[in-house]
Amino acid sequence: MNKKLNISIAVLLFLMAFLAAGELSAQPPPPPPPPGGGPPCWPPPCIPVDGGITIALAAAAAFGGKKVYDALKKSGN
């Protein structure tokens, strides 16, 4: 009897966590724009960071690939 109760409680908790996951991961809506139409982001320059990070990741991947290639080439001789 105790084993069935433990399994029932575990299944119930799993289902509750599964159903509540959608509510917990939802983001609140964005705030309304200010009256008078201010800048779309703060601080106003709105500089994207994506370009620099992508270039840095590509350079790091190329450097790491070269190091692995050199290590494999050296161990083969």
PDB file of N, CA and C in Angstrom:
ATOM      1  N   MET A   1       0.833  -1.195   0.000  1.00  0.00           N
ATOM      2  CA  MET A   1       0.000   0.000   0.000  1.00  0.00           C
ATOM      3  C   MET A   1       0.876   1.256   0.000  1.00  0.00           C
ATOM      4  N   ASN A   2       1.933   1.233   0.778  1.00  0.00           N
ATOM      5  CA  ASN A   2       2.803   2.393   0.900  1.00  0.00           C
ATOM      6  C   ASN A   2       3.512   2.663  -0.425  1.00  0.00           C
ATOM      7  N   LYS A   3       3.896   1.599  -1.155  1.00  0.00           N
ATOM      8  CA  LYS A   3       4.580   1.757  -2.428  1.00  0.00           C
ATOM      9  C   LYS A   3       3.649   2.383  -3.468  1.00  0.00           C
ATOM     10  N   LYS A   4       2.377   1.967  -3.498  1.00  0.00           N
ATOM     11  CA  LYS A   4       1.412   2.542  -4.429  1.00  0.00           C
ATOM     12  C   LYS A   4       1.166   4.013  -4.125  1.00  0.00           C
ATOM     13  N   LEU A   5       1.136   4.355  -2.849  1.00  0.00           N
ATOM     14  CA  LEU A   5       0.932   5.749  -2.458  1.00  0.00           C
ATOM     15  C   LEU A   5       2.114   6.603  -2.890  1.00  0.00           C
ATOM     16  N   ASN A   6       3.322   6.103  -2.720  1.00  0.00           N
ATOM     17  CA  ASN A   6       4.517   6.852  -3.130  1.00  0.00           C
ATOM     18  C   ASN A   6       4.546   7.062  -4.644  1.00  0.00           C
ATOM     19  N   ILE A   7       4.181   6.033  -5.401  1.00  0.00           N
ATOM     20  CA  ILE A   7       4.151   6.160  -6.858  1.00  0.00           C
ATOM     21  C   ILE A   7       3.076   7.149  -7.277  1.00  0.00           C
ATOM     22  N   SER A   8       1.916   7.098  -6.644  1.00  0.00           N
ATOM     23  CA  SER A   8       0.834   8.026  -6.971  1.00  0.00           C
ATOM     24  C   SER A   8       1.239   9.467  -6.686  1.00  0.00           C
ATOM     25  N   ILE A   9       1.897   9.695  -5.572  1.00  0.00           N
ATOM     26  CA  ILE A   9       2.345  11.047  -5.228  1.00  0.00           C
ATOM     27  C   ILE A   9       3.403  11.522  -6.220  1.00  0.00           C
ATOM     28  N   ALA A  10       4.317  10.647  -6.603  1.00  0.00           N
ATOM     29  CA  ALA A  10       5.361  11.029  -7.559  1.00  0.00           C
ATOM     30  C   ALA A  10       4.761  11.383  -8.914  1.00  0.00           C
ATOM     31  N   VAL A  11       3.790  10.588  -9.378  1.00  0.00           N
ATOM     32  CA  VAL A  11       3.144  10.875 -10.659  1.00  0.00           C
ATOM     33  C   VAL A  11       2.375  12.188 -10.572  1.00  0.00           C
ATOM     34  N   LEU A  12       1.682  12.423  -9.492  1.00  0.00           N
ATOM     35  CA  LEU A  12       0.922  13.655  -9.318  1.00  0.00           C
ATOM     36  C   LEU A  12       1.854  14.875  -9.303  1.00  0.00           C
ATOM     37  N   LEU A  13       2.955  14.782  -8.602  1.00  0.00           N
ATOM     38  CA  LEU A  13       3.907  15.888  -8.559  1.00  0.00           C
ATOM     39  C   LEU A  13       4.523  16.137  -9.934  1.00  0.00           C
ATOM     40  N   PHE A  14       4.834  15.071 -10.658  1.00  0.00           N
ATOM     41  CA  PHE A  14       5.381  15.225 -12.005  1.00  0.00           C
ATOM     42  C   PHE A  14       4.386  15.935 -12.917  1.00  0.00           C
ATOM     43  N   LEU A  15       3.129  15.522 -12.872  1.00  0.00           N
ATOM     44  CA  LEU A  15       2.113  16.159 -13.707  1.00  0.00           C
ATOM     45  C   LEU A  15       1.915  17.621 -13.333  1.00  0.00           C
ATOM     46  N   MET A  16       1.941  17.926 -12.045  1.00  0.00           N
ATOM     47  CA  MET A  16       1.783  19.314 -11.608  1.00  0.00           C
ATOM     48  C   MET A  16       2.957  20.160 -12.092  1.00  0.00           C
ATOM     49  N   ALA A  17       4.168  19.626 -11.997  1.00  0.00           N
ATOM     50  CA  ALA A  17       5.346  20.371 -12.450  1.00  0.00           C
ATOM     51  C   ALA A  17       5.305  20.554 -13.959  1.00  0.00           C
ATOM     52  N   PHE A  18       4.875  19.538 -14.691  1.00  0.00           N
ATOM     53  CA  PHE A  18       4.784  19.619 -16.144  1.00  0.00           C
ATOM     54  C   PHE A  18       3.766  20.668 -16.579  1.00  0.00           C
ATOM     55  N   LEU A  19       2.629  20.716 -15.917  1.00  0.00           N
ATOM     56  CA  LEU A  19       1.596  21.680 -16.277  1.00  0.00           C
ATOM     57  C   LEU A  19       1.964  23.099 -15.859  1.00  0.00           C
ATOM     58  N   ALA A  20       2.719  23.252 -14.787  1.00  0.00           N
ATOM     59  CA  ALA A  20       3.100  24.582 -14.307  1.00  0.00           C
ATOM     60  C   ALA A  20       4.301  25.139 -15.055  1.00  0.00           C
ATOM     61  N   ALA A  21       5.004  24.329 -15.831  1.00  0.00           N
ATOM     62  CA  ALA A  21       6.213  24.799 -16.519  1.00  0.00           C
ATOM     63  C   ALA A  21       5.888  25.907 -17.511  1.00  0.00           C
ATOM     64  N   GLY A  22       4.771  25.840 -18.173  1.00  0.00           N
ATOM     65  CA  GLY A  22       4.394  26.888 -19.124  1.00  0.00           C
ATOM     66  C   GLY A  22       4.165  28.220 -18.446  1.00  0.00           C
ATOM     67  N   GLU A  23       3.570  28.211 -17.290  1.00  0.00           N
ATOM     68  CA  GLU A  23       3.329  29.444 -16.563  1.00  0.00           C
ATOM     69  C   GLU A  23       4.625  30.038 -16.019  1.00  0.00           C
ATOM     70  N   LEU A  24       5.537  29.189 -15.607  1.00  0.00           N
ATOM     71  CA  LEU A  24       6.768  29.678 -14.999  1.00  0.00           C
ATOM     72  C   LEU A  24       7.745  30.214 -16.030  1.00  0.00           C
ATOM     73  N   SER A  25       7.694  29.732 -17.255  1.00  0.00           N
ATOM     74  CA  SER A  25       8.653  30.167 -18.264  1.00  0.00           C
ATOM     75  C   SER A  25       8.121  31.297 -19.142  1.00  0.00           C
ATOM     76  N   ALA A  26       6.902  31.731 -18.924  1.00  0.00           N
ATOM     77  CA  ALA A  26       6.344  32.801 -19.744  1.00  0.00           C
ATOM     78  C   ALA A  26       6.962  34.136 -19.351  1.00  0.00           C
ATOM     79  N   GLN A  27       7.195  34.986 -20.350  1.00  0.00           N
ATOM     80  CA  GLN A  27       7.747  36.306 -20.093  1.00  0.00           C
ATOM     81  C   GLN A  27       6.617  37.316 -19.993  1.00  0.00           C
ATOM     82  N   PRO A  28       6.820  38.339 -19.177  1.00  0.00           N
ATOM     83  CA  PRO A  28       5.784  39.377 -19.108  1.00  0.00           C
ATOM     84  C   PRO A  28       5.784  40.194 -20.402  1.00  0.00           C
ATOM     85  N   PRO A  29       4.679  40.821 -20.727  1.00  0.00           N
ATOM     86  CA  PRO A  29       4.641  41.622 -21.950  1.00  0.00           C
ATOM     87  C   PRO A  29       5.548  42.842 -21.809  1.00  0.00           C
ATOM     88  N   PRO A  30       6.034  43.384 -22.930  1.00  0.00           N
ATOM     89  CA  PRO A  30       6.895  44.564 -22.844  1.00  0.00           C
ATOM     90  C   PRO A  30       6.114  45.771 -22.343  1.00  0.00           C
ATOM     91  N   PRO A  31       6.791  46.713 -21.720  1.00  0.00           N
ATOM     92  CA  PRO A  31       6.080  47.900 -21.231  1.00  0.00           C
ATOM     93  C   PRO A  31       5.576  48.743 -22.407  1.00  0.00           C
ATOM     94  N   PRO A  32       4.521  49.487 -22.198  1.00  0.00           N
ATOM     95  CA  PRO A  32       4.009  50.318 -23.302  1.00  0.00           C
ATOM     96  C   PRO A  32       4.999  51.434 -23.621  1.00  0.00           C
ATOM     97  N   PRO A  33       5.027  51.902 -24.861  1.00  0.00           N
ATOM     98  CA  PRO A  33       5.944  52.981 -25.209  1.00  0.00           C
ATOM     99  C   PRO A  33       5.565  54.265 -24.484  1.00  0.00           C
ATOM    100  N   PRO A  34       6.554  55.080 -24.191  1.00  0.00           N
ATOM    101  CA  PRO A  34       6.239  56.324 -23.484  1.00  0.00           C
ATOM    102  C   PRO A  34       5.453  57.268 -24.380  1.00  0.00           C
ATOM    103  N   PRO A  35       4.599  58.082 -23.791  1.00  0.00           N
ATOM    104  CA  PRO A  35       3.861  59.040 -24.616  1.00  0.00           C
ATOM    105  C   PRO A  35       4.841  60.059 -25.203  1.00  0.00           C
ATOM    106  N   GLY A  36       4.741  60.318 -26.462  1.00  0.00           N
ATOM    107  CA  GLY A  36       5.654  61.241 -27.108  1.00  0.00           C
ATOM    108  C   GLY A  36       6.706  60.515 -27.923  1.00  0.00           C
ATOM    109  N   GLY A  37       6.778  59.191 -27.837  1.00  0.00           N
ATOM    110  CA  GLY A  37       7.667  58.399 -28.677  1.00  0.00           C
ATOM    111  C   GLY A  37       9.139  58.561 -28.367  1.00  0.00           C
ATOM    112  N   GLY A  38       9.583  58.051 -27.252  1.00  0.00           N
ATOM    113  CA  GLY A  38      10.992  58.086 -26.894  1.00  0.00           C
ATOM    114  C   GLY A  38      11.791  57.067 -27.685  1.00  0.00           C
ATOM    115  N   PRO A  39      13.064  56.905 -27.358  1.00  0.00           N
ATOM    116  CA  PRO A  39      13.897  55.925 -28.077  1.00  0.00           C
ATOM    117  C   PRO A  39      13.425  54.496 -27.813  1.00  0.00           C
ATOM    118  N   PRO A  40      13.614  53.579 -28.777  1.00  0.00           N
ATOM    119  CA  PRO A  40      13.116  52.215 -28.619  1.00  0.00           C
ATOM    120  C   PRO A  40      13.908  51.391 -27.605  1.00  0.00           C
ATOM    121  N   CYS A  41      15.087  51.845 -27.213  1.00  0.00           N
ATOM    122  CA  CYS A  41      15.864  51.120 -26.215  1.00  0.00           C
ATOM    123  C   CYS A  41      16.628  52.121 -25.353  1.00  0.00           C
ATOM    124  N   TRP A  42      17.209  51.629 -24.297  1.00  0.00           N
ATOM    125  CA  TRP A  42      17.948  52.509 -23.407  1.00  0.00           C
ATOM    126  C   TRP A  42      19.286  51.892 -23.102  1.00  0.00           C
ATOM    127  N   PRO A  43      20.392  52.501 -23.227  1.00  0.00           N
ATOM    128  CA  PRO A  43      20.672  53.865 -23.667  1.00  0.00           C
ATOM    129  C   PRO A  43      20.443  54.019 -25.161  1.00  0.00           C
ATOM    130  N   PRO A  44      20.196  55.238 -25.629  1.00  0.00           N
ATOM    131  CA  PRO A  44      19.759  55.486 -27.000  1.00  0.00           C
ATOM    132  C   PRO A  44      20.637  54.970 -28.139  1.00  0.00           C
ATOM    133  N   PRO A  45      21.956  54.815 -28.048  1.00  0.00           N
ATOM    134  CA  PRO A  45      22.662  54.364 -29.257  1.00  0.00           C
ATOM    135  C   PRO A  45      22.206  53.000 -29.773  1.00  0.00           C
ATOM    136  N   CYS A  46      21.715  52.119 -28.936  1.00  0.00           N
ATOM    137  CA  CYS A  46      21.183  50.812 -29.341  1.00  0.00           C
ATOM    138  C   CYS A  46      22.177  50.027 -30.193  1.00  0.00           C
ATOM    139  N   ILE A  47      23.370  49.840 -29.717  1.00  0.00           N
ATOM    140  CA  ILE A  47      24.406  49.135 -30.468  1.00  0.00           C
ATOM    141  C   ILE A  47      24.218  47.632 -30.276  1.00  0.00           C
ATOM    142  N   PRO A  48      24.064  46.850 -31.371  1.00  0.00           N
ATOM    143  CA  PRO A  48      23.936  45.401 -31.224  1.00  0.00           C
ATOM    144  C   PRO A  48      25.273  44.775 -30.843  1.00  0.00           C
ATOM    145  N   VAL A  49      25.240  43.762 -30.019  1.00  0.00           N
ATOM    146  CA  VAL A  49      26.449  43.097 -29.561  1.00  0.00           C
ATOM    147  C   VAL A  49      26.710  41.850 -30.398  1.00  0.00           C
ATOM    148  N   ASP A  50      25.761  41.399 -31.155  1.00  0.00           N
ATOM    149  CA  ASP A  50      25.838  40.115 -31.834  1.00  0.00           C
ATOM    150  C   ASP A  50      27.007  40.009 -32.807  1.00  0.00           C
ATOM    151  N   GLY A  51      27.294  41.029 -33.585  1.00  0.00           N
ATOM    152  CA  GLY A  51      28.336  40.949 -34.595  1.00  0.00           C
ATOM    153  C   GLY A  51      29.704  40.657 -34.011  1.00  0.00           C
ATOM    154  N   GLY A  52      30.087  41.355 -32.959  1.00  0.00           N
ATOM    155  CA  GLY A  52      31.392  41.145 -32.356  1.00  0.00           C
ATOM    156  C   GLY A  52      31.527  39.789 -31.704  1.00  0.00           C
ATOM    157  N   ILE A  53      30.475  39.328 -31.065  1.00  0.00           N
ATOM    158  CA  ILE A  53      30.522  38.018 -30.409  1.00  0.00           C
ATOM    159  C   ILE A  53      30.640  36.914 -31.457  1.00  0.00           C
ATOM    160  N   THR A  54      29.928  37.040 -32.563  1.00  0.00           N
ATOM    161  CA  THR A  54      29.993  36.033 -33.618  1.00  0.00           C
ATOM    162  C   THR A  54      31.399  35.950 -34.211  1.00  0.00           C
ATOM    163  N   ILE A  55      32.013  37.091 -34.446  1.00  0.00           N
ATOM    164  CA  ILE A  55      33.373  37.100 -34.984  1.00  0.00           C
ATOM    165  C   ILE A  55      34.349  36.488 -33.985  1.00  0.00           C
ATOM    166  N   ALA A  56      34.201  36.830 -32.709  1.00  0.00           N
ATOM    167  CA  ALA A  56      35.097  36.274 -31.692  1.00  0.00           C
ATOM    168  C   ALA A  56      34.934  34.759 -31.572  1.00  0.00           C
ATOM    169  N   LEU A  57      33.704  34.264 -31.623  1.00  0.00           N
ATOM    170  CA  LEU A  57      33.479  32.820 -31.553  1.00  0.00           C
ATOM    171  C   LEU A  57      34.053  32.107 -32.771  1.00  0.00           C
ATOM    172  N   ALA A  58      33.916  32.705 -33.947  1.00  0.00           N
ATOM    173  CA  ALA A  58      34.478  32.096 -35.153  1.00  0.00           C
ATOM    174  C   ALA A  58      35.995  32.056 -35.083  1.00  0.00           C
ATOM    175  N   ALA A  59      36.609  33.126 -34.595  1.00  0.00           N
ATOM    176  CA  ALA A  59      38.068  33.157 -34.464  1.00  0.00           C
ATOM    177  C   ALA A  59      38.540  32.132 -33.436  1.00  0.00           C
ATOM    178  N   ALA A  60      37.825  32.005 -32.325  1.00  0.00           N
ATOM    179  CA  ALA A  60      38.198  31.026 -31.300  1.00  0.00           C
ATOM    180  C   ALA A  60      38.051  29.599 -31.822  1.00  0.00           C
ATOM    181  N   ALA A  61      36.996  29.336 -32.599  1.00  0.00           N
ATOM    182  CA  ALA A  61      36.813  27.997 -33.168  1.00  0.00           C
ATOM    183  C   ALA A  61      37.920  27.679 -34.167  1.00  0.00           C
ATOM    184  N   ALA A  62      38.308  28.658 -34.983  1.00  0.00           N
ATOM    185  CA  ALA A  62      39.386  28.429 -35.946  1.00  0.00           C
ATOM    186  C   ALA A  62      40.716  28.190 -35.227  1.00  0.00           C
ATOM    187  N   PHE A  63      40.987  28.969 -34.196  1.00  0.00           N
ATOM    188  CA  PHE A  63      42.223  28.802 -33.432  1.00  0.00           C
ATOM    189  C   PHE A  63      42.258  27.435 -32.738  1.00  0.00           C
ATOM    190  N   GLY A  64      41.135  27.040 -32.139  1.00  0.00           N
ATOM    191  CA  GLY A  64      41.065  25.730 -31.492  1.00  0.00           C
ATOM    192  C   GLY A  64      41.207  24.596 -32.486  1.00  0.00           C
ATOM    193  N   GLY A  65      40.593  24.732 -33.655  1.00  0.00           N
ATOM    194  CA  GLY A  65      40.732  23.711 -34.687  1.00  0.00           C
ATOM    195  C   GLY A  65      42.169  23.580 -35.162  1.00  0.00           C
ATOM    196  N   LYS A  66      42.857  24.692 -35.312  1.00  0.00           N
ATOM    197  CA  LYS A  66      44.270  24.661 -35.712  1.00  0.00           C
ATOM    198  C   LYS A  66      45.112  23.974 -34.649  1.00  0.00           C
ATOM    199  N   LYS A  67      44.858  24.261 -33.383  1.00  0.00           N
ATOM    200  CA  LYS A  67      45.613  23.629 -32.291  1.00  0.00           C
ATOM    201  C   LYS A  67      45.382  22.116 -32.275  1.00  0.00           C
ATOM    202  N   VAL A  68      44.135  21.686 -32.454  1.00  0.00           N
ATOM    203  CA  VAL A  68      43.825  20.256 -32.471  1.00  0.00           C
ATOM    204  C   VAL A  68      44.493  19.597 -33.675  1.00  0.00           C
ATOM    205  N   TYR A  69      44.426  20.234 -34.837  1.00  0.00           N
ATOM    206  CA  TYR A  69      45.055  19.700 -36.045  1.00  0.00           C
ATOM    207  C   TYR A  69      46.562  19.551 -35.841  1.00  0.00           C
ATOM    208  N   ASP A  70      47.203  20.578 -35.277  1.00  0.00           N
ATOM    209  CA  ASP A  70      48.645  20.508 -35.041  1.00  0.00           C
ATOM    210  C   ASP A  70      48.998  19.402 -34.044  1.00  0.00           C
ATOM    211  N   ALA A  71      48.198  19.243 -32.993  1.00  0.00           N
ATOM    212  CA  ALA A  71      48.455  18.213 -31.995  1.00  0.00           C
ATOM    213  C   ALA A  71      48.306  16.814 -32.604  1.00  0.00           C
ATOM    214  N   LEU A  72      47.285  16.614 -33.441  1.00  0.00           N
ATOM    215  CA  LEU A  72      47.103  15.324 -34.085  1.00  0.00           C
ATOM    216  C   LEU A  72      48.212  15.038 -35.095  1.00  0.00           C
ATOM    217  N   LYS A  73      48.634  16.066 -35.805  1.00  0.00           N
ATOM    218  CA  LYS A  73      49.711  15.904 -36.779  1.00  0.00           C
ATOM    219  C   LYS A  73      51.031  15.577 -36.090  1.00  0.00           C
ATOM    220  N   LYS A  74      51.289  16.217 -34.934  1.00  0.00           N
ATOM    221  CA  LYS A  74      52.518  15.994 -34.185  1.00  0.00           C
ATOM    222  C   LYS A  74      52.538  14.595 -33.569  1.00  0.00           C
ATOM    223  N   SER A  75      51.405  14.121 -33.064  1.00  0.00           N
ATOM    224  CA  SER A  75      51.364  12.800 -32.434  1.00  0.00           C
ATOM    225  C   SER A  75      51.436  11.682 -33.471  1.00  0.00           C
ATOM    226  N   GLY A  76      51.102  11.971 -34.730  1.00  0.00           N
ATOM    227  CA  GLY A  76      51.167  10.958 -35.785  1.00  0.00           C
ATOM    228  C   GLY A  76      52.570  10.681 -36.262  1.00  0.00           C
ATOM    229  N   ASN A  77      53.505  11.607 -36.048  1.00  0.00           N
ATOM    230  CA  ASN A  77      54.894  11.433 -36.524  1.00  0.00           C
ATOM    231  C   ASN A  77      55.728  10.675 -35.571  1.00  0.00           C
TER     232      ASN A  77
END
